[in-house]
Amino acid sequence: MKLIVGLGNPGKEYEHTRHNIGFEFLDYYIKNLNLSNPQWSEKFNGLYFQTTVLGEKVIFLKPQSYMNLSGGVVRKFVDYFKIQIEDILIISDDMDLTIGNFKLKDKGSSGGHNGLRDIEKHLNTQNYKRLKVGISKNKFGDTKDYVLGKLSQEELNIISECYHTLVTVLNDYYVETFSNLMNKYNRKNR
């Protein structure tokens, strides 16, 4: 069983913000599965949806504890559903990648991302898979204001194109090794 976690912050005020890329991509992906009526359920302070994709049982999770406390929610799902660390994929925003770019990683530090830092703390490892989606860097001003800021229409258009590609990436995730996936899809910043 796979656990695919999209990171974000709950609440209307955070919709279409840079930090909510994980939530929004999960919604986009699930819509592309063409399921008749996907129903999200609540458990352990998370919204989750369980289904089968390409023969693989999958739980999609959106922690509702705010970004900085995502790890506790992820840990409860891992323990309850008996999910192996190697079967977790975390989807998050990344300021070190240009908007519209993405990167798959199989391990490494949080890179200053508070949601990833909390997940590492609760899983007690940095060896979990992630899909990082670029939101570019804020060259001027406060990082917190930037990541919690709304995406412009131009940025939303670029992100939408990226999501289209990421649907294919996620479909391949169920059937390919992660090293093959990284070799196939990782690309440099433009």
C-alpha atoms as a PDB file:
ATOM      1  CA  MET A   1       0.000   0.000   0.000  1.00  0.00           C
ATOM      2  CA  LYS A   2       1.252   3.483  -0.926  1.00  0.00           C
ATOM      3  CA  LEU A   3       0.730   6.641   1.111  1.00  0.00           C
ATOM      4  CA  ILE A   4       0.813   9.798  -0.998  1.00  0.00           C
ATOM      5  CA  VAL A   5       0.800  12.955   1.101  1.00  0.00           C
ATOM      6  CA  GLY A   6       0.127  16.405  -0.300  1.00  0.00           C
ATOM      7  CA  LEU A   7       1.301  19.177   2.011  1.00  0.00           C
ATOM      8  CA  GLY A   8      -0.575  22.409   2.585  1.00  0.00           C
ATOM      9  CA  ASN A   9      -2.555  24.445   5.084  1.00  0.00           C
ATOM     10  CA  PRO A  10      -6.277  23.899   5.714  1.00  0.00           C
ATOM     11  CA  GLY A  11      -8.800  26.692   5.218  1.00  0.00           C
ATOM     12  CA  LYS A  12     -10.146  28.887   2.420  1.00  0.00           C
ATOM     13  CA  GLU A  13      -7.611  31.651   3.105  1.00  0.00           C
ATOM     14  CA  TYR A  14      -4.773  29.330   2.022  1.00  0.00           C
ATOM     15  CA  GLU A  15      -6.300  28.147  -1.269  1.00  0.00           C
ATOM     16  CA  HIS A  16      -4.102  28.890  -4.302  1.00  0.00           C
ATOM     17  CA  THR A  17      -1.129  29.867  -2.139  1.00  0.00           C
ATOM     18  CA  ARG A  18       2.371  28.687  -2.968  1.00  0.00           C
ATOM     19  CA  HIS A  19       2.548  26.546   0.186  1.00  0.00           C
ATOM     20  CA  ASN A  20      -0.597  24.597  -0.827  1.00  0.00           C
ATOM     21  CA  ILE A  21       0.853  23.019  -3.966  1.00  0.00           C
ATOM     22  CA  GLY A  22       0.646  19.540  -2.370  1.00  0.00           C
ATOM     23  CA  PHE A  23      -3.068  19.804  -1.545  1.00  0.00           C
ATOM     24  CA  GLU A  24      -3.930  21.260  -4.927  1.00  0.00           C
ATOM     25  CA  PHE A  25      -2.003  18.690  -6.935  1.00  0.00           C
ATOM     26  CA  LEU A  26      -3.712  15.827  -5.070  1.00  0.00           C
ATOM     27  CA  ASP A  27      -7.104  17.339  -5.961  1.00  0.00           C
ATOM     28  CA  TYR A  28      -6.008  17.720  -9.592  1.00  0.00           C
ATOM     29  CA  TYR A  29      -4.670  14.160  -9.737  1.00  0.00           C
ATOM     30  CA  ILE A  30      -7.728  12.555  -8.174  1.00  0.00           C
ATOM     31  CA  LYS A  31      -9.981  14.475 -10.570  1.00  0.00           C
ATOM     32  CA  ASN A  32      -7.916  12.970 -13.430  1.00  0.00           C
ATOM     33  CA  LEU A  33      -8.558   9.442 -12.153  1.00  0.00           C
ATOM     34  CA  ASN A  34     -12.150   9.853 -13.406  1.00  0.00           C
ATOM     35  CA  LEU A  35     -13.664   8.193 -10.365  1.00  0.00           C
ATOM     36  CA  SER A  36     -17.434   8.482 -10.117  1.00  0.00           C
ATOM     37  CA  ASN A  37     -17.603  10.231  -6.743  1.00  0.00           C
ATOM     38  CA  PRO A  38     -14.414  10.287  -4.673  1.00  0.00           C
ATOM     39  CA  GLN A  39     -15.245  10.820  -1.002  1.00  0.00           C
ATOM     40  CA  TRP A  40     -12.633  12.202   1.377  1.00  0.00           C
ATOM     41  CA  SER A  41     -12.832  10.896   4.948  1.00  0.00           C
ATOM     42  CA  GLU A  42     -11.415  12.310   8.175  1.00  0.00           C
ATOM     43  CA  LYS A  43      -9.045  10.490  10.516  1.00  0.00           C
ATOM     44  CA  PHE A  44      -6.182  11.556  12.801  1.00  0.00           C
ATOM     45  CA  ASN A  45      -6.577  15.230  11.832  1.00  0.00           C
ATOM     46  CA  GLY A  46      -6.167  14.412   8.148  1.00  0.00           C
ATOM     47  CA  LEU A  47      -8.403  14.208   5.099  1.00  0.00           C
ATOM     48  CA  TYR A  48      -7.767  10.976   3.228  1.00  0.00           C
ATOM     49  CA  PHE A  49      -9.042   9.111   0.212  1.00  0.00           C
ATOM     50  CA  GLN A  50      -8.357   5.412  -0.363  1.00  0.00           C
ATOM     51  CA  THR A  51      -8.543   3.749  -3.780  1.00  0.00           C
ATOM     52  CA  THR A  52      -6.669   1.461  -6.168  1.00  0.00           C
ATOM     53  CA  VAL A  53      -4.591   2.932  -8.994  1.00  0.00           C
ATOM     54  CA  LEU A  54      -3.004   0.691 -11.629  1.00  0.00           C
ATOM     55  CA  GLY A  55      -3.389  -2.308  -9.328  1.00  0.00           C
ATOM     56  CA  GLU A  56      -1.789  -0.557  -6.330  1.00  0.00           C
ATOM     57  CA  LYS A  57      -3.719   0.257  -3.140  1.00  0.00           C
ATOM     58  CA  VAL A  58      -3.206   3.950  -2.430  1.00  0.00           C
ATOM     59  CA  ILE A  59      -4.105   6.345   0.369  1.00  0.00           C
ATOM     60  CA  PHE A  60      -4.038  10.026  -0.557  1.00  0.00           C
ATOM     61  CA  LEU A  61      -3.625  12.250   2.509  1.00  0.00           C
ATOM     62  CA  LYS A  62      -3.975  15.979   3.169  1.00  0.00           C
ATOM     63  CA  PRO A  63      -2.894  16.710   6.783  1.00  0.00           C
ATOM     64  CA  GLN A  64      -5.195  19.292   8.392  1.00  0.00           C
ATOM     65  CA  SER A  65      -2.813  20.280  11.187  1.00  0.00           C
ATOM     66  CA  TYR A  66      -1.101  23.140   9.324  1.00  0.00           C
ATOM     67  CA  MET A  67       2.147  22.710   7.460  1.00  0.00           C
ATOM     68  CA  ASN A  68       4.560  22.875  10.403  1.00  0.00           C
ATOM     69  CA  LEU A  69       2.779  20.004  12.204  1.00  0.00           C
ATOM     70  CA  SER A  70       2.259  17.619   9.262  1.00  0.00           C
ATOM     71  CA  GLY A  71       4.560  14.943  10.659  1.00  0.00           C
ATOM     72  CA  GLY A  72       2.302  13.867  13.505  1.00  0.00           C
ATOM     73  CA  VAL A  73      -0.580  13.227  11.101  1.00  0.00           C
ATOM     74  CA  VAL A  74       1.657  11.297   8.680  1.00  0.00           C
ATOM     75  CA  ARG A  75       3.031   9.172  11.548  1.00  0.00           C
ATOM     76  CA  LYS A  76      -0.474   8.201  12.721  1.00  0.00           C
ATOM     77  CA  PHE A  77      -1.425   7.056   9.205  1.00  0.00           C
ATOM     78  CA  VAL A  78       1.835   5.123   8.819  1.00  0.00           C
ATOM     79  CA  ASP A  79       1.226   3.312  12.110  1.00  0.00           C
ATOM     80  CA  TYR A  80      -2.501   2.692  11.662  1.00  0.00           C
ATOM     81  CA  PHE A  81      -2.296   1.410   8.057  1.00  0.00           C
ATOM     82  CA  LYS A  82       1.094  -0.313   8.630  1.00  0.00           C
ATOM     83  CA  ILE A  83       2.763   1.540   5.746  1.00  0.00           C
ATOM     84  CA  GLN A  84       6.465   1.037   5.090  1.00  0.00           C
ATOM     85  CA  ILE A  85       8.661   4.153   4.884  1.00  0.00           C
ATOM     86  CA  GLU A  86       9.666   3.176   1.334  1.00  0.00           C
ATOM     87  CA  ASP A  87       5.980   3.355   0.304  1.00  0.00           C
ATOM     88  CA  ILE A  88       5.540   7.012   1.306  1.00  0.00           C
ATOM     89  CA  LEU A  89       5.644   9.861  -1.217  1.00  0.00           C
ATOM     90  CA  ILE A  90       5.423  13.462   0.045  1.00  0.00           C
ATOM     91  CA  ILE A  91       4.391  16.213  -2.405  1.00  0.00           C
ATOM     92  CA  SER A  92       5.470  19.724  -1.426  1.00  0.00           C
ATOM     93  CA  ASP A  93       6.384  23.153  -2.723  1.00  0.00           C
ATOM     94  CA  ASP A  94      10.064  24.034  -3.182  1.00  0.00           C
ATOM     95  CA  MET A  95      11.527  27.546  -3.379  1.00  0.00           C
ATOM     96  CA  ASP A  96      14.817  26.302  -4.854  1.00  0.00           C
ATOM     97  CA  LEU A  97      13.065  25.195  -8.050  1.00  0.00           C
ATOM     98  CA  THR A  98      11.778  27.584 -10.680  1.00  0.00           C
ATOM     99  CA  ILE A  99       8.009  27.683 -10.984  1.00  0.00           C
ATOM    100  CA  GLY A 100       6.858  24.936 -13.347  1.00  0.00           C
ATOM    101  CA  ASN A 101       9.816  22.676 -12.554  1.00  0.00           C
ATOM    102  CA  PHE A 102       9.766  19.660 -10.273  1.00  0.00           C
ATOM    103  CA  LYS A 103      12.205  17.203  -8.765  1.00  0.00           C
ATOM    104  CA  LEU A 104      11.900  13.683  -7.400  1.00  0.00           C
ATOM    105  CA  LYS A 105      14.131  12.835  -4.417  1.00  0.00           C
ATOM    106  CA  ASP A 106      14.499   9.560  -2.556  1.00  0.00           C
ATOM    107  CA  LYS A 107      16.125  11.052   0.568  1.00  0.00           C
ATOM    108  CA  GLY A 108      17.806  14.139   1.957  1.00  0.00           C
ATOM    109  CA  SER A 109      17.295  17.026   4.331  1.00  0.00           C
ATOM    110  CA  SER A 110      14.198  19.173   4.598  1.00  0.00           C
ATOM    111  CA  GLY A 111      16.012  22.035   2.877  1.00  0.00           C
ATOM    112  CA  GLY A 112      14.412  24.463   5.322  1.00  0.00           C
ATOM    113  CA  HIS A 113      10.847  23.339   4.522  1.00  0.00           C
ATOM    114  CA  ASN A 114       9.006  23.223   7.862  1.00  0.00           C
ATOM    115  CA  GLY A 115       6.501  20.572   6.771  1.00  0.00           C
ATOM    116  CA  LEU A 116       9.274  18.228   5.622  1.00  0.00           C
ATOM    117  CA  ARG A 117      11.271  18.961   8.789  1.00  0.00           C
ATOM    118  CA  ASP A 118       8.318  17.875  10.950  1.00  0.00           C
ATOM    119  CA  ILE A 119       7.801  14.721   8.877  1.00  0.00           C
ATOM    120  CA  GLU A 120      11.488  13.808   9.295  1.00  0.00           C
ATOM    121  CA  LYS A 121      11.161  14.330  13.056  1.00  0.00           C
ATOM    122  CA  HIS A 122       8.102  12.060  13.348  1.00  0.00           C
ATOM    123  CA  LEU A 123       9.312   9.362  10.937  1.00  0.00           C
ATOM    124  CA  ASN A 124      12.795   9.531  12.476  1.00  0.00           C
ATOM    125  CA  THR A 125      14.416   9.417   9.044  1.00  0.00           C
ATOM    126  CA  GLN A 126      15.270  11.529   6.003  1.00  0.00           C
ATOM    127  CA  ASN A 127      14.980   8.465   3.756  1.00  0.00           C
ATOM    128  CA  TYR A 128      11.505   8.948   2.339  1.00  0.00           C
ATOM    129  CA  LYS A 129      10.491   9.800  -1.205  1.00  0.00           C
ATOM    130  CA  ARG A 130       9.346  13.245  -2.233  1.00  0.00           C
ATOM    131  CA  LEU A 131       8.055  15.107  -5.233  1.00  0.00           C
ATOM    132  CA  LYS A 132       9.048  18.752  -4.972  1.00  0.00           C
ATOM    133  CA  VAL A 133       7.204  21.322  -7.108  1.00  0.00           C
ATOM    134  CA  GLY A 134       8.905  24.642  -7.832  1.00  0.00           C
ATOM    135  CA  ILE A 135       7.460  27.930  -6.618  1.00  0.00           C
ATOM    136  CA  SER A 136      10.632  30.028  -7.266  1.00  0.00           C
ATOM    137  CA  LYS A 137      12.411  32.134  -4.679  1.00  0.00           C
ATOM    138  CA  ASN A 138      11.304  35.445  -3.255  1.00  0.00           C
ATOM    139  CA  LYS A 139      14.264  37.713  -3.867  1.00  0.00           C
ATOM    140  CA  PHE A 140      12.770  40.551  -1.840  1.00  0.00           C
ATOM    141  CA  GLY A 141      10.759  40.370   1.346  1.00  0.00           C
ATOM    142  CA  ASP A 142       9.680  37.839   3.920  1.00  0.00           C
ATOM    143  CA  THR A 143       9.739  34.110   3.088  1.00  0.00           C
ATOM    144  CA  LYS A 144       6.636  33.382   5.191  1.00  0.00           C
ATOM    145  CA  ASP A 145       4.600  36.062   3.398  1.00  0.00           C
ATOM    146  CA  TYR A 146       5.836  34.725   0.057  1.00  0.00           C
ATOM    147  CA  VAL A 147       4.923  31.055   0.599  1.00  0.00           C
ATOM    148  CA  LEU A 148       1.541  32.025   2.076  1.00  0.00           C
ATOM    149  CA  GLY A 149       0.916  34.456  -0.792  1.00  0.00           C
ATOM    150  CA  LYS A 150      -1.504  33.702  -3.624  1.00  0.00           C
ATOM    151  CA  LEU A 151      -0.214  32.516  -6.980  1.00  0.00           C
ATOM    152  CA  SER A 152      -0.703  35.012  -9.816  1.00  0.00           C
ATOM    153  CA  GLN A 153      -2.799  34.000 -12.826  1.00  0.00           C
ATOM    154  CA  GLU A 154       0.395  33.553 -14.850  1.00  0.00           C
ATOM    155  CA  GLU A 155       1.862  31.313 -12.138  1.00  0.00           C
ATOM    156  CA  LEU A 156      -1.390  29.316 -11.931  1.00  0.00           C
ATOM    157  CA  ASN A 157      -1.197  28.696 -15.699  1.00  0.00           C
ATOM    158  CA  ILE A 158       2.405  27.470 -15.424  1.00  0.00           C
ATOM    159  CA  ILE A 159       1.564  25.266 -12.419  1.00  0.00           C
ATOM    160  CA  SER A 160      -1.437  23.817 -14.265  1.00  0.00           C
ATOM    161  CA  GLU A 161       0.836  22.724 -17.128  1.00  0.00           C
ATOM    162  CA  CYS A 162       3.221  21.217 -14.579  1.00  0.00           C
ATOM    163  CA  TYR A 163       0.348  19.301 -12.933  1.00  0.00           C
ATOM    164  CA  HIS A 164      -0.549  17.827 -16.320  1.00  0.00           C
ATOM    165  CA  THR A 165       2.971  16.342 -16.523  1.00  0.00           C
ATOM    166  CA  LEU A 166       2.922  15.267 -12.870  1.00  0.00           C
ATOM    167  CA  VAL A 167      -0.151  13.090 -13.484  1.00  0.00           C
ATOM    168  CA  THR A 168       2.030  10.953 -15.763  1.00  0.00           C
ATOM    169  CA  VAL A 169       4.874  11.001 -13.226  1.00  0.00           C
ATOM    170  CA  LEU A 170       2.565   9.790 -10.461  1.00  0.00           C
ATOM    171  CA  ASN A 171       1.063   7.081 -12.675  1.00  0.00           C
ATOM    172  CA  ASP A 172       4.588   5.851 -13.438  1.00  0.00           C
ATOM    173  CA  TYR A 173       5.405   5.901  -9.696  1.00  0.00           C
ATOM    174  CA  TYR A 174       3.174   2.833  -9.166  1.00  0.00           C
ATOM    175  CA  VAL A 175       4.896   0.719 -11.800  1.00  0.00           C
ATOM    176  CA  GLU A 176       8.545   1.861 -11.974  1.00  0.00           C
ATOM    177  CA  THR A 177      11.413   1.803  -9.500  1.00  0.00           C
ATOM    178  CA  PHE A 178      11.996   5.197  -7.919  1.00  0.00           C
ATOM    179  CA  SER A 179      15.543   5.409  -9.315  1.00  0.00           C
ATOM    180  CA  ASN A 180      14.166   4.863 -12.830  1.00  0.00           C
ATOM    181  CA  LEU A 181      11.528   7.493 -12.138  1.00  0.00           C
ATOM    182  CA  MET A 182      14.161  10.037 -11.055  1.00  0.00           C
ATOM    183  CA  ASN A 183      16.301   9.285 -14.118  1.00  0.00           C
ATOM    184  CA  LYS A 184      13.299   9.634 -16.401  1.00  0.00           C
ATOM    185  CA  TYR A 185      11.797  12.859 -15.053  1.00  0.00           C
ATOM    186  CA  ASN A 186      14.212  14.983 -13.051  1.00  0.00           C
ATOM    187  CA  ARG A 187      15.185  18.140 -14.856  1.00  0.00           C
ATOM    188  CA  LYS A 188      17.262  21.194 -14.069  1.00  0.00           C
ATOM    189  CA  ASN A 189      15.917  24.638 -13.252  1.00  0.00           C
ATOM    190  CA  ARG A 190      15.383  26.802 -16.283  1.00  0.00           C
END
